[in-house]
Amino acid sequence: MSAPRSKTKYTAALIAVSAMYAALMVGGKELFAVLPNVEVVTLLAALCAYVWGPLVVYPAVNVFVAVDMAIWGVNTWIISYFVHWNVVATCFWLLGKIPHKNKYVEASVAAIAGVVLSVLFGVLTSFVDTVVGYTGAGWYAQWSDLLPRFAVIYTAGAAFYITQAVCNAVLFATAFLPLVRVNRNARLRLSPDTPPTADNPAADPAEQDK
């Protein structure tokens, strides 16, 4: 049995994992940009938070938003993005702390959470676009006729929000748990408290079957 890995190396590994997830989010978003609101960012942010926790996921999602802002420029969407992806990270981090003995229940809970958060994203972006505006002169807020304007903006984007919710329902139901198992095994291999063995580099067989 080899010696446990140092906590310094583990911290460096977590930084690398966070950077990897940020890159996956940026690349995944750009890859699916040709398909309106078919996206993998919600799945990636949820997966990162669920397995790796807040120290990995919060830097990842905020770097993703910052890079997206560098690519697409500043507008009202950055408010929605900073709020939404941090909420997704928080929700799935908390869900990851709940023990699940039944994998079907775990997959169902993740899928429901993914869909609900996708629906709320449509509400959030519509609200922000209703209230907040941005021009070359700066930001401004407009509260007059709030409900009628919100209804028009939300209805205009309804097809996109429905597509996003359906996409995430399918992705979370089919891909979330397999990816969770892969990431849990990776975290076990990296952990300073879990020295690898020749027979079992992933260490805990119970965790592999979870």
N, C-alpha and C. Protein backbone atom coordinates (compact mmCIF):
# COMPACT_ATOMS: atom_id res chain seq x y z
N MET A 1 0.85 -1.20 0.00
CA MET A 1 0.00 0.00 0.00
C MET A 1 0.88 1.24 0.00
N SER A 2 0.62 2.15 -0.90
CA SER A 2 1.42 3.36 -0.98
C SER A 2 0.95 4.40 0.02
N ALA A 3 1.77 5.41 0.26
CA ALA A 3 1.45 6.44 1.24
C ALA A 3 0.33 7.34 0.73
N PRO A 4 -0.45 7.90 1.66
CA PRO A 4 -1.51 8.83 1.25
C PRO A 4 -0.95 10.04 0.51
N ARG A 5 -1.69 10.57 -0.39
CA ARG A 5 -1.28 11.75 -1.11
C ARG A 5 -1.31 12.98 -0.20
N SER A 6 -0.48 13.96 -0.48
CA SER A 6 -0.45 15.15 0.35
C SER A 6 -1.66 16.02 0.09
N LYS A 7 -2.04 16.79 1.10
CA LYS A 7 -3.19 17.69 0.95
C LYS A 7 -2.88 18.81 -0.03
N THR A 8 -1.60 19.19 -0.15
CA THR A 8 -1.21 20.22 -1.12
C THR A 8 -1.48 19.73 -2.54
N LYS A 9 -1.10 18.49 -2.82
CA LYS A 9 -1.34 17.93 -4.15
C LYS A 9 -2.84 17.78 -4.40
N TYR A 10 -3.58 17.44 -3.35
CA TYR A 10 -5.03 17.29 -3.50
C TYR A 10 -5.66 18.64 -3.84
N THR A 11 -5.21 19.70 -3.15
CA THR A 11 -5.72 21.04 -3.45
C THR A 11 -5.41 21.44 -4.89
N ALA A 12 -4.19 21.13 -5.32
CA ALA A 12 -3.82 21.43 -6.71
C ALA A 12 -4.68 20.65 -7.69
N ALA A 13 -5.00 19.40 -7.34
CA ALA A 13 -5.85 18.58 -8.19
C ALA A 13 -7.26 19.16 -8.27
N LEU A 14 -7.78 19.67 -7.15
CA LEU A 14 -9.11 20.26 -7.15
C LEU A 14 -9.16 21.53 -7.99
N ILE A 15 -8.08 22.32 -7.96
CA ILE A 15 -8.00 23.51 -8.81
C ILE A 15 -8.04 23.10 -10.28
N ALA A 16 -7.33 22.02 -10.60
CA ALA A 16 -7.32 21.53 -11.98
C ALA A 16 -8.70 21.03 -12.40
N VAL A 17 -9.39 20.34 -11.48
CA VAL A 17 -10.74 19.85 -11.78
C VAL A 17 -11.68 21.03 -12.01
N SER A 18 -11.57 22.07 -11.18
CA SER A 18 -12.41 23.25 -11.34
C SER A 18 -12.17 23.91 -12.70
N ALA A 19 -10.90 24.03 -13.08
CA ALA A 19 -10.56 24.61 -14.38
C ALA A 19 -11.09 23.74 -15.51
N MET A 20 -11.02 22.42 -15.33
CA MET A 20 -11.52 21.50 -16.35
C MET A 20 -13.02 21.68 -16.55
N TYR A 21 -13.76 21.79 -15.44
CA TYR A 21 -15.21 21.97 -15.55
C TYR A 21 -15.56 23.32 -16.18
N ALA A 22 -14.82 24.37 -15.84
CA ALA A 22 -15.06 25.66 -16.47
C ALA A 22 -14.87 25.56 -17.98
N ALA A 23 -13.80 24.87 -18.40
CA ALA A 23 -13.53 24.69 -19.83
C ALA A 23 -14.62 23.86 -20.49
N LEU A 24 -15.10 22.81 -19.80
CA LEU A 24 -16.17 21.98 -20.35
C LEU A 24 -17.45 22.78 -20.53
N MET A 25 -17.74 23.65 -19.56
CA MET A 25 -18.95 24.48 -19.67
C MET A 25 -18.86 25.44 -20.85
N VAL A 26 -17.71 26.10 -20.99
CA VAL A 26 -17.52 27.03 -22.10
C VAL A 26 -17.60 26.27 -23.43
N GLY A 27 -16.85 25.17 -23.52
CA GLY A 27 -16.84 24.40 -24.76
C GLY A 27 -18.18 23.78 -25.07
N GLY A 28 -18.85 23.24 -24.03
CA GLY A 28 -20.16 22.63 -24.23
C GLY A 28 -21.19 23.63 -24.69
N LYS A 29 -21.16 24.82 -24.12
CA LYS A 29 -22.11 25.86 -24.52
C LYS A 29 -21.89 26.26 -25.99
N GLU A 30 -20.64 26.46 -26.36
CA GLU A 30 -20.35 26.87 -27.73
C GLU A 30 -20.66 25.74 -28.72
N LEU A 31 -20.42 24.51 -28.31
CA LEU A 31 -20.66 23.37 -29.19
C LEU A 31 -22.14 23.24 -29.55
N PHE A 32 -23.01 23.47 -28.55
CA PHE A 32 -24.44 23.30 -28.78
C PHE A 32 -25.15 24.62 -29.12
N ALA A 33 -24.35 25.67 -29.37
CA ALA A 33 -24.95 26.99 -29.65
C ALA A 33 -25.82 26.98 -30.90
N VAL A 34 -25.55 26.05 -31.82
CA VAL A 34 -26.34 26.00 -33.06
C VAL A 34 -27.73 25.42 -32.82
N LEU A 35 -27.92 24.78 -31.66
CA LEU A 35 -29.23 24.21 -31.31
C LEU A 35 -29.83 25.06 -30.19
N PRO A 36 -30.81 25.91 -30.47
CA PRO A 36 -31.34 26.85 -29.47
C PRO A 36 -31.79 26.16 -28.19
N ASN A 37 -31.14 26.53 -27.09
CA ASN A 37 -31.46 26.10 -25.73
C ASN A 37 -31.31 24.60 -25.49
N VAL A 38 -30.64 23.90 -26.39
CA VAL A 38 -30.16 22.55 -26.08
C VAL A 38 -28.79 22.74 -25.46
N GLU A 39 -28.65 22.44 -24.19
CA GLU A 39 -27.43 22.81 -23.50
C GLU A 39 -27.01 21.75 -22.49
N VAL A 40 -25.70 21.75 -22.18
CA VAL A 40 -25.15 20.78 -21.22
C VAL A 40 -24.58 21.48 -20.00
N VAL A 41 -24.66 22.81 -19.96
CA VAL A 41 -24.04 23.55 -18.85
C VAL A 41 -24.72 23.23 -17.53
N THR A 42 -26.04 23.11 -17.53
CA THR A 42 -26.76 22.78 -16.30
C THR A 42 -26.30 21.43 -15.76
N LEU A 43 -26.20 20.44 -16.63
CA LEU A 43 -25.74 19.11 -16.22
C LEU A 43 -24.33 19.17 -15.67
N LEU A 44 -23.43 19.87 -16.33
CA LEU A 44 -22.04 19.95 -15.88
C LEU A 44 -21.91 20.68 -14.55
N ALA A 45 -22.63 21.80 -14.40
CA ALA A 45 -22.58 22.54 -13.13
C ALA A 45 -23.15 21.70 -12.00
N ALA A 46 -24.27 21.01 -12.27
CA ALA A 46 -24.89 20.17 -11.25
C ALA A 46 -23.98 19.02 -10.86
N LEU A 47 -23.37 18.37 -11.84
CA LEU A 47 -22.47 17.25 -11.59
C LEU A 47 -21.27 17.67 -10.77
N CYS A 48 -20.67 18.80 -11.14
CA CYS A 48 -19.51 19.31 -10.41
C CYS A 48 -19.86 19.61 -8.95
N ALA A 49 -21.00 20.27 -8.73
CA ALA A 49 -21.42 20.61 -7.37
C ALA A 49 -21.75 19.36 -6.57
N TYR A 50 -22.43 18.41 -7.19
CA TYR A 50 -22.92 17.20 -6.53
C TYR A 50 -21.78 16.33 -6.01
N VAL A 51 -20.71 16.23 -6.80
CA VAL A 51 -19.61 15.34 -6.43
C VAL A 51 -18.44 16.09 -5.78
N TRP A 52 -18.08 17.23 -6.34
CA TRP A 52 -16.84 17.89 -5.93
C TRP A 52 -17.04 18.98 -4.90
N GLY A 53 -18.24 19.52 -4.79
CA GLY A 53 -18.53 20.47 -3.73
C GLY A 53 -18.26 21.92 -4.09
N PRO A 54 -18.51 22.82 -3.12
CA PRO A 54 -18.49 24.27 -3.40
C PRO A 54 -17.13 24.82 -3.77
N LEU A 55 -16.05 24.29 -3.21
CA LEU A 55 -14.73 24.83 -3.49
C LEU A 55 -14.31 24.60 -4.94
N VAL A 56 -14.93 23.64 -5.60
CA VAL A 56 -14.63 23.36 -7.00
C VAL A 56 -15.66 24.01 -7.92
N VAL A 57 -16.94 23.90 -7.57
CA VAL A 57 -17.98 24.33 -8.50
C VAL A 57 -18.13 25.85 -8.59
N TYR A 58 -18.03 26.57 -7.46
CA TYR A 58 -18.23 28.03 -7.54
C TYR A 58 -17.18 28.72 -8.42
N PRO A 59 -15.89 28.40 -8.26
CA PRO A 59 -14.94 28.99 -9.21
C PRO A 59 -15.23 28.59 -10.65
N ALA A 60 -15.63 27.33 -10.86
CA ALA A 60 -15.88 26.85 -12.23
C ALA A 60 -17.01 27.62 -12.90
N VAL A 61 -18.14 27.77 -12.20
CA VAL A 61 -19.29 28.43 -12.84
C VAL A 61 -19.03 29.92 -13.04
N ASN A 62 -18.31 30.54 -12.13
CA ASN A 62 -18.06 31.97 -12.27
C ASN A 62 -16.99 32.27 -13.32
N VAL A 63 -16.02 31.38 -13.47
CA VAL A 63 -15.07 31.52 -14.58
C VAL A 63 -15.80 31.32 -15.90
N PHE A 64 -16.72 30.35 -15.95
CA PHE A 64 -17.52 30.13 -17.16
C PHE A 64 -18.27 31.40 -17.56
N VAL A 65 -18.92 32.04 -16.60
CA VAL A 65 -19.67 33.26 -16.90
C VAL A 65 -18.72 34.38 -17.35
N ALA A 66 -17.58 34.49 -16.68
CA ALA A 66 -16.62 35.54 -17.04
C ALA A 66 -16.08 35.34 -18.46
N VAL A 67 -15.78 34.09 -18.82
CA VAL A 67 -15.28 33.81 -20.17
C VAL A 67 -16.38 34.09 -21.19
N ASP A 68 -17.61 33.68 -20.87
CA ASP A 68 -18.74 33.94 -21.77
C ASP A 68 -18.93 35.45 -21.97
N MET A 69 -18.72 36.20 -20.90
CA MET A 69 -18.85 37.66 -21.01
C MET A 69 -17.75 38.22 -21.90
N ALA A 70 -16.54 37.64 -21.81
CA ALA A 70 -15.45 38.09 -22.68
C ALA A 70 -15.74 37.77 -24.15
N ILE A 71 -16.45 36.67 -24.39
CA ILE A 71 -16.77 36.26 -25.76
C ILE A 71 -17.91 37.10 -26.33
N TRP A 72 -18.98 37.27 -25.53
CA TRP A 72 -20.21 37.85 -26.04
C TRP A 72 -20.45 39.29 -25.63
N GLY A 73 -19.62 39.81 -24.73
CA GLY A 73 -19.80 41.19 -24.30
C GLY A 73 -20.77 41.32 -23.14
N VAL A 74 -20.94 42.55 -22.67
CA VAL A 74 -21.76 42.84 -21.49
C VAL A 74 -23.18 43.16 -21.91
N ASN A 75 -24.14 42.50 -21.25
CA ASN A 75 -25.54 42.85 -21.42
C ASN A 75 -26.31 42.26 -20.23
N THR A 76 -27.63 42.37 -20.28
CA THR A 76 -28.44 41.98 -19.13
C THR A 76 -28.31 40.49 -18.80
N TRP A 77 -27.92 39.68 -19.76
CA TRP A 77 -27.84 38.24 -19.52
C TRP A 77 -26.81 37.89 -18.45
N ILE A 78 -25.80 38.74 -18.25
CA ILE A 78 -24.77 38.38 -17.26
C ILE A 78 -25.34 38.35 -15.85
N ILE A 79 -26.36 39.18 -15.57
CA ILE A 79 -27.01 39.14 -14.26
C ILE A 79 -27.69 37.79 -14.06
N SER A 80 -28.45 37.36 -15.07
CA SER A 80 -29.14 36.07 -14.99
C SER A 80 -28.14 34.93 -14.85
N TYR A 81 -27.05 35.00 -15.59
CA TYR A 81 -26.06 33.91 -15.56
C TYR A 81 -25.40 33.82 -14.19
N PHE A 82 -24.94 34.94 -13.65
CA PHE A 82 -24.28 34.89 -12.35
C PHE A 82 -25.22 34.36 -11.27
N VAL A 83 -26.48 34.77 -11.31
CA VAL A 83 -27.44 34.29 -10.32
C VAL A 83 -27.76 32.81 -10.56
N HIS A 84 -28.12 32.46 -11.80
CA HIS A 84 -28.63 31.12 -12.08
C HIS A 84 -27.60 30.03 -11.84
N TRP A 85 -26.39 30.18 -12.37
CA TRP A 85 -25.42 29.09 -12.25
C TRP A 85 -24.95 28.92 -10.82
N ASN A 86 -24.91 29.98 -10.05
CA ASN A 86 -24.57 29.84 -8.64
C ASN A 86 -25.70 29.19 -7.86
N VAL A 87 -26.95 29.45 -8.25
CA VAL A 87 -28.08 28.77 -7.62
C VAL A 87 -28.06 27.28 -7.96
N VAL A 88 -27.80 26.94 -9.22
CA VAL A 88 -27.68 25.52 -9.61
C VAL A 88 -26.60 24.84 -8.80
N ALA A 89 -25.45 25.50 -8.67
CA ALA A 89 -24.35 24.93 -7.90
C ALA A 89 -24.75 24.70 -6.44
N THR A 90 -25.41 25.67 -5.85
CA THR A 90 -25.81 25.55 -4.44
C THR A 90 -26.83 24.42 -4.25
N CYS A 91 -27.83 24.36 -5.12
CA CYS A 91 -28.87 23.35 -5.00
C CYS A 91 -28.30 21.94 -5.10
N PHE A 92 -27.43 21.71 -6.09
CA PHE A 92 -26.90 20.36 -6.27
C PHE A 92 -25.80 20.03 -5.27
N TRP A 93 -25.11 21.02 -4.75
CA TRP A 93 -24.19 20.75 -3.65
C TRP A 93 -24.96 20.25 -2.44
N LEU A 94 -26.08 20.90 -2.12
CA LEU A 94 -26.90 20.48 -0.99
C LEU A 94 -27.53 19.10 -1.26
N LEU A 95 -27.98 18.87 -2.49
CA LEU A 95 -28.54 17.55 -2.83
C LEU A 95 -27.49 16.46 -2.69
N GLY A 96 -26.24 16.79 -3.02
CA GLY A 96 -25.17 15.81 -2.91
C GLY A 96 -24.84 15.40 -1.50
N LYS A 97 -25.28 16.18 -0.53
CA LYS A 97 -25.04 15.85 0.87
C LYS A 97 -26.10 14.91 1.44
N ILE A 98 -27.16 14.66 0.66
CA ILE A 98 -28.24 13.77 1.11
C ILE A 98 -27.93 12.35 0.66
N PRO A 99 -27.85 11.39 1.59
CA PRO A 99 -27.58 10.01 1.18
C PRO A 99 -28.77 9.39 0.45
N HIS A 100 -28.48 8.67 -0.63
CA HIS A 100 -29.52 7.99 -1.42
C HIS A 100 -29.16 6.51 -1.52
N LYS A 101 -30.04 5.66 -1.05
CA LYS A 101 -29.79 4.22 -1.14
C LYS A 101 -30.34 3.63 -2.44
N ASN A 102 -31.26 4.33 -3.06
CA ASN A 102 -31.88 3.83 -4.28
C ASN A 102 -31.45 4.71 -5.45
N LYS A 103 -30.78 4.12 -6.45
CA LYS A 103 -30.26 4.91 -7.55
C LYS A 103 -31.38 5.51 -8.41
N TYR A 104 -32.54 4.85 -8.46
CA TYR A 104 -33.65 5.38 -9.25
C TYR A 104 -34.24 6.63 -8.60
N VAL A 105 -34.30 6.61 -7.27
CA VAL A 105 -34.76 7.79 -6.54
C VAL A 105 -33.76 8.93 -6.73
N GLU A 106 -32.48 8.61 -6.66
CA GLU A 106 -31.44 9.62 -6.82
C GLU A 106 -31.51 10.25 -8.21
N ALA A 107 -31.69 9.41 -9.24
CA ALA A 107 -31.80 9.92 -10.61
C ALA A 107 -33.05 10.76 -10.79
N SER A 108 -34.14 10.34 -10.16
CA SER A 108 -35.40 11.08 -10.28
C SER A 108 -35.30 12.44 -9.62
N VAL A 109 -34.72 12.47 -8.43
CA VAL A 109 -34.56 13.74 -7.71
C VAL A 109 -33.69 14.70 -8.52
N ALA A 110 -32.59 14.18 -9.09
CA ALA A 110 -31.70 15.03 -9.89
C ALA A 110 -32.42 15.55 -11.13
N ALA A 111 -33.20 14.69 -11.79
CA ALA A 111 -33.91 15.11 -13.00
C ALA A 111 -34.96 16.17 -12.68
N ILE A 112 -35.70 15.97 -11.59
CA ILE A 112 -36.71 16.95 -11.19
C ILE A 112 -36.07 18.29 -10.87
N ALA A 113 -34.95 18.23 -10.11
CA ALA A 113 -34.25 19.47 -9.76
C ALA A 113 -33.73 20.18 -11.02
N GLY A 114 -33.18 19.41 -11.96
CA GLY A 114 -32.68 19.99 -13.20
C GLY A 114 -33.77 20.67 -14.01
N VAL A 115 -34.94 20.03 -14.07
CA VAL A 115 -36.06 20.61 -14.83
C VAL A 115 -36.59 21.85 -14.14
N VAL A 116 -36.78 21.78 -12.82
CA VAL A 116 -37.30 22.93 -12.07
C VAL A 116 -36.36 24.13 -12.22
N LEU A 117 -35.06 23.88 -12.11
CA LEU A 117 -34.10 24.98 -12.25
C LEU A 117 -34.10 25.54 -13.67
N SER A 118 -34.32 24.69 -14.66
CA SER A 118 -34.42 25.16 -16.04
C SER A 118 -35.64 26.06 -16.23
N VAL A 119 -36.76 25.66 -15.63
CA VAL A 119 -37.97 26.47 -15.71
C VAL A 119 -37.75 27.82 -15.02
N LEU A 120 -37.11 27.79 -13.86
CA LEU A 120 -36.86 29.03 -13.13
C LEU A 120 -35.89 29.94 -13.88
N PHE A 121 -34.99 29.33 -14.67
CA PHE A 121 -34.08 30.14 -15.48
C PHE A 121 -34.85 30.99 -16.48
N GLY A 122 -35.90 30.41 -17.07
CA GLY A 122 -36.75 31.18 -17.99
C GLY A 122 -37.43 32.33 -17.29
N VAL A 123 -37.90 32.09 -16.08
CA VAL A 123 -38.55 33.15 -15.30
C VAL A 123 -37.54 34.24 -14.94
N LEU A 124 -36.36 33.81 -14.50
CA LEU A 124 -35.34 34.77 -14.09
C LEU A 124 -34.89 35.65 -15.25
N THR A 125 -34.56 35.04 -16.39
CA THR A 125 -34.07 35.83 -17.52
C THR A 125 -35.16 36.79 -18.03
N SER A 126 -36.40 36.32 -18.03
CA SER A 126 -37.49 37.20 -18.48
C SER A 126 -37.67 38.38 -17.53
N PHE A 127 -37.57 38.11 -16.22
CA PHE A 127 -37.71 39.17 -15.23
C PHE A 127 -36.58 40.19 -15.37
N VAL A 128 -35.35 39.69 -15.49
CA VAL A 128 -34.21 40.60 -15.61
C VAL A 128 -34.34 41.45 -16.87
N ASP A 129 -34.72 40.82 -17.99
CA ASP A 129 -34.86 41.57 -19.24
C ASP A 129 -36.02 42.55 -19.18
N THR A 130 -37.01 42.28 -18.34
CA THR A 130 -38.14 43.20 -18.18
C THR A 130 -37.74 44.43 -17.37
N VAL A 131 -36.94 44.21 -16.35
CA VAL A 131 -36.63 45.28 -15.40
C VAL A 131 -35.35 46.03 -15.75
N VAL A 132 -34.34 45.31 -16.21
CA VAL A 132 -33.01 45.89 -16.38
C VAL A 132 -32.70 46.08 -17.86
N GLY A 133 -32.06 47.18 -18.16
CA GLY A 133 -31.59 47.44 -19.51
C GLY A 133 -30.14 47.88 -19.50
N TYR A 134 -29.48 47.74 -20.64
CA TYR A 134 -28.08 48.15 -20.73
C TYR A 134 -27.83 48.79 -22.10
N THR A 135 -27.21 49.96 -22.07
CA THR A 135 -26.81 50.65 -23.29
C THR A 135 -25.35 51.06 -23.14
N GLY A 136 -24.82 51.68 -24.17
CA GLY A 136 -23.45 52.17 -24.08
C GLY A 136 -23.26 53.17 -22.96
N ALA A 137 -24.35 53.81 -22.53
CA ALA A 137 -24.27 54.79 -21.45
C ALA A 137 -24.32 54.15 -20.07
N GLY A 138 -24.63 52.85 -20.01
CA GLY A 138 -24.68 52.17 -18.73
C GLY A 138 -25.98 51.43 -18.49
N TRP A 139 -26.20 51.07 -17.24
CA TRP A 139 -27.36 50.28 -16.84
C TRP A 139 -28.53 51.18 -16.44
N TYR A 140 -29.73 50.65 -16.62
CA TYR A 140 -30.90 51.37 -16.13
C TYR A 140 -31.97 50.36 -15.75
N ALA A 141 -32.91 50.80 -14.92
CA ALA A 141 -34.03 49.94 -14.48
C ALA A 141 -35.35 50.58 -14.87
N GLN A 142 -36.30 49.75 -15.24
CA GLN A 142 -37.62 50.23 -15.64
C GLN A 142 -38.69 49.34 -15.01
N TRP A 143 -39.47 49.93 -14.10
CA TRP A 143 -40.46 49.15 -13.35
C TRP A 143 -41.89 49.38 -13.84
N SER A 144 -42.11 50.32 -14.73
CA SER A 144 -43.46 50.61 -15.19
C SER A 144 -44.02 49.46 -16.02
N ASP A 145 -45.32 49.21 -15.87
CA ASP A 145 -46.01 48.15 -16.62
C ASP A 145 -45.26 46.82 -16.51
N LEU A 146 -44.82 46.48 -15.31
CA LEU A 146 -43.95 45.32 -15.11
C LEU A 146 -44.59 44.02 -15.58
N LEU A 147 -45.81 43.72 -15.10
CA LEU A 147 -46.44 42.44 -15.41
C LEU A 147 -46.76 42.28 -16.91
N PRO A 148 -47.35 43.28 -17.57
CA PRO A 148 -47.60 43.11 -19.01
C PRO A 148 -46.32 42.91 -19.82
N ARG A 149 -45.29 43.66 -19.50
CA ARG A 149 -44.03 43.52 -20.25
C ARG A 149 -43.37 42.18 -19.96
N PHE A 150 -43.44 41.74 -18.70
CA PHE A 150 -42.89 40.42 -18.35
C PHE A 150 -43.63 39.32 -19.12
N ALA A 151 -44.95 39.41 -19.19
CA ALA A 151 -45.75 38.39 -19.88
C ALA A 151 -45.36 38.31 -21.36
N VAL A 152 -45.14 39.46 -21.99
CA VAL A 152 -44.77 39.47 -23.40
C VAL A 152 -43.39 38.85 -23.61
N ILE A 153 -42.44 39.23 -22.77
CA ILE A 153 -41.07 38.72 -22.91
C ILE A 153 -41.02 37.22 -22.61
N TYR A 154 -41.71 36.79 -21.56
CA TYR A 154 -41.69 35.37 -21.21
C TYR A 154 -42.35 34.53 -22.30
N THR A 155 -43.49 34.99 -22.80
CA THR A 155 -44.20 34.25 -23.85
C THR A 155 -43.36 34.14 -25.11
N ALA A 156 -42.63 35.21 -25.44
CA ALA A 156 -41.79 35.20 -26.63
C ALA A 156 -40.69 34.14 -26.55
N GLY A 157 -40.23 33.88 -25.34
CA GLY A 157 -39.15 32.90 -25.18
C GLY A 157 -39.62 31.54 -24.71
N ALA A 158 -40.93 31.31 -24.64
CA ALA A 158 -41.48 30.08 -24.07
C ALA A 158 -40.98 28.83 -24.78
N ALA A 159 -40.89 28.87 -26.11
CA ALA A 159 -40.45 27.70 -26.87
C ALA A 159 -39.01 27.32 -26.50
N PHE A 160 -38.18 28.32 -26.27
CA PHE A 160 -36.79 28.04 -25.88
C PHE A 160 -36.73 27.45 -24.48
N TYR A 161 -37.54 28.00 -23.55
CA TYR A 161 -37.53 27.49 -22.18
C TYR A 161 -38.04 26.05 -22.12
N ILE A 162 -39.05 25.74 -22.90
CA ILE A 162 -39.58 24.37 -22.94
C ILE A 162 -38.53 23.41 -23.49
N THR A 163 -37.84 23.84 -24.55
CA THR A 163 -36.78 23.01 -25.13
C THR A 163 -35.69 22.73 -24.10
N GLN A 164 -35.30 23.75 -23.37
CA GLN A 164 -34.26 23.60 -22.36
C GLN A 164 -34.70 22.65 -21.25
N ALA A 165 -35.94 22.76 -20.81
CA ALA A 165 -36.44 21.89 -19.74
C ALA A 165 -36.50 20.44 -20.19
N VAL A 166 -36.99 20.20 -21.40
CA VAL A 166 -37.07 18.84 -21.94
C VAL A 166 -35.66 18.26 -22.11
N CYS A 167 -34.76 19.07 -22.65
CA CYS A 167 -33.37 18.64 -22.83
C CYS A 167 -32.76 18.19 -21.50
N ASN A 168 -32.94 18.99 -20.46
CA ASN A 168 -32.35 18.65 -19.17
C ASN A 168 -33.05 17.47 -18.50
N ALA A 169 -34.35 17.31 -18.74
CA ALA A 169 -35.04 16.14 -18.22
C ALA A 169 -34.41 14.86 -18.77
N VAL A 170 -34.14 14.85 -20.07
CA VAL A 170 -33.54 13.67 -20.72
C VAL A 170 -32.10 13.47 -20.24
N LEU A 171 -31.31 14.54 -20.23
CA LEU A 171 -29.91 14.43 -19.84
C LEU A 171 -29.73 13.96 -18.40
N PHE A 172 -30.51 14.55 -17.49
CA PHE A 172 -30.37 14.18 -16.09
C PHE A 172 -30.86 12.75 -15.84
N ALA A 173 -31.93 12.35 -16.51
CA ALA A 173 -32.47 11.02 -16.30
C ALA A 173 -31.53 9.93 -16.83
N THR A 174 -30.78 10.24 -17.88
CA THR A 174 -29.97 9.20 -18.51
C THR A 174 -28.47 9.29 -18.19
N ALA A 175 -27.95 10.50 -18.05
CA ALA A 175 -26.50 10.67 -17.96
C ALA A 175 -25.99 11.05 -16.58
N PHE A 176 -26.85 11.57 -15.72
CA PHE A 176 -26.36 12.13 -14.45
C PHE A 176 -25.70 11.07 -13.57
N LEU A 177 -26.39 9.98 -13.27
CA LEU A 177 -25.82 8.98 -12.36
C LEU A 177 -24.57 8.30 -12.91
N PRO A 178 -24.53 7.90 -14.19
CA PRO A 178 -23.27 7.35 -14.70
C PRO A 178 -22.09 8.31 -14.55
N LEU A 179 -22.33 9.59 -14.81
CA LEU A 179 -21.27 10.58 -14.67
C LEU A 179 -20.92 10.81 -13.20
N VAL A 180 -21.89 10.71 -12.32
CA VAL A 180 -21.62 10.82 -10.89
C VAL A 180 -20.68 9.70 -10.45
N ARG A 181 -20.93 8.47 -10.89
CA ARG A 181 -20.08 7.34 -10.51
C ARG A 181 -18.65 7.56 -10.99
N VAL A 182 -18.49 8.02 -12.23
CA VAL A 182 -17.15 8.27 -12.77
C VAL A 182 -16.43 9.34 -11.94
N ASN A 183 -17.13 10.40 -11.61
CA ASN A 183 -16.52 11.49 -10.85
C ASN A 183 -16.23 11.09 -9.40
N ARG A 184 -17.09 10.29 -8.80
CA ARG A 184 -16.82 9.82 -7.44
C ARG A 184 -15.57 8.95 -7.40
N ASN A 185 -15.42 8.09 -8.37
CA ASN A 185 -14.22 7.26 -8.44
C ASN A 185 -12.98 8.12 -8.63
N ALA A 186 -13.09 9.15 -9.47
CA ALA A 186 -11.96 10.05 -9.69
C ALA A 186 -11.61 10.79 -8.40
N ARG A 187 -12.62 11.23 -7.67
CA ARG A 187 -12.35 11.95 -6.42
C ARG A 187 -11.71 11.02 -5.39
N LEU A 188 -12.16 9.77 -5.37
CA LEU A 188 -11.56 8.79 -4.46
C LEU A 188 -10.08 8.59 -4.78
N ARG A 189 -9.75 8.50 -6.05
CA ARG A 189 -8.36 8.31 -6.44
C ARG A 189 -7.48 9.49 -6.05
N LEU A 190 -8.07 10.69 -6.07
CA LEU A 190 -7.30 11.89 -5.77
C LEU A 190 -7.21 12.19 -4.28
N SER A 191 -8.13 11.64 -3.49
CA SER A 191 -8.23 12.01 -2.08
C SER A 191 -6.97 11.66 -1.30
N PRO A 192 -6.48 12.59 -0.45
CA PRO A 192 -5.30 12.30 0.38
C PRO A 192 -5.61 11.29 1.48
N ASP A 193 -6.89 11.07 1.76
CA ASP A 193 -7.28 10.14 2.83
C ASP A 193 -7.55 8.73 2.31
N THR A 194 -7.37 8.52 0.99
CA THR A 194 -7.65 7.22 0.41
C THR A 194 -6.46 6.75 -0.40
N PRO A 195 -5.48 6.13 0.26
CA PRO A 195 -4.32 5.64 -0.49
C PRO A 195 -4.71 4.53 -1.44
N PRO A 196 -4.22 4.55 -2.67
CA PRO A 196 -4.57 3.50 -3.62
C PRO A 196 -3.85 2.20 -3.32
N THR A 197 -4.36 1.11 -3.82
CA THR A 197 -3.71 -0.19 -3.71
C THR A 197 -3.56 -0.75 -5.12
N ALA A 198 -2.72 -1.74 -5.24
CA ALA A 198 -2.50 -2.35 -6.55
C ALA A 198 -3.76 -3.03 -7.06
N ASP A 199 -4.53 -3.60 -6.10
CA ASP A 199 -5.72 -4.34 -6.49
C ASP A 199 -6.92 -3.45 -6.76
N ASN A 200 -6.94 -2.32 -6.11
CA ASN A 200 -8.14 -1.48 -6.21
C ASN A 200 -7.76 -0.01 -6.18
N PRO A 201 -7.40 0.59 -7.32
CA PRO A 201 -6.99 1.99 -7.34
C PRO A 201 -8.08 2.96 -6.98
N ALA A 202 -9.34 2.54 -7.07
CA ALA A 202 -10.44 3.44 -6.71
C ALA A 202 -10.80 3.32 -5.25
N ALA A 203 -10.15 2.40 -4.53
CA ALA A 203 -10.28 2.22 -3.09
C ALA A 203 -11.58 1.59 -2.64
N ASP A 204 -12.64 2.32 -2.52
CA ASP A 204 -13.84 1.84 -1.84
C ASP A 204 -14.82 1.20 -2.82
N PRO A 205 -14.99 -0.11 -2.81
CA PRO A 205 -15.91 -0.75 -3.75
C PRO A 205 -17.35 -0.37 -3.52
N ALA A 206 -17.69 -0.05 -2.28
CA ALA A 206 -19.08 0.34 -1.99
C ALA A 206 -19.42 1.64 -2.69
N GLU A 207 -18.41 2.54 -2.77
CA GLU A 207 -18.63 3.82 -3.43
C GLU A 207 -18.80 3.64 -4.92
N GLN A 208 -18.11 2.65 -5.49
CA GLN A 208 -18.22 2.41 -6.93
C GLN A 208 -19.61 1.95 -7.31
N ASP A 209 -20.27 1.22 -6.42
CA ASP A 209 -21.59 0.67 -6.71
C ASP A 209 -22.70 1.62 -6.36
N LYS A 210 -22.35 2.76 -5.76
CA LYS A 210 -23.37 3.66 -5.27
C LYS A 210 -24.17 4.23 -6.41
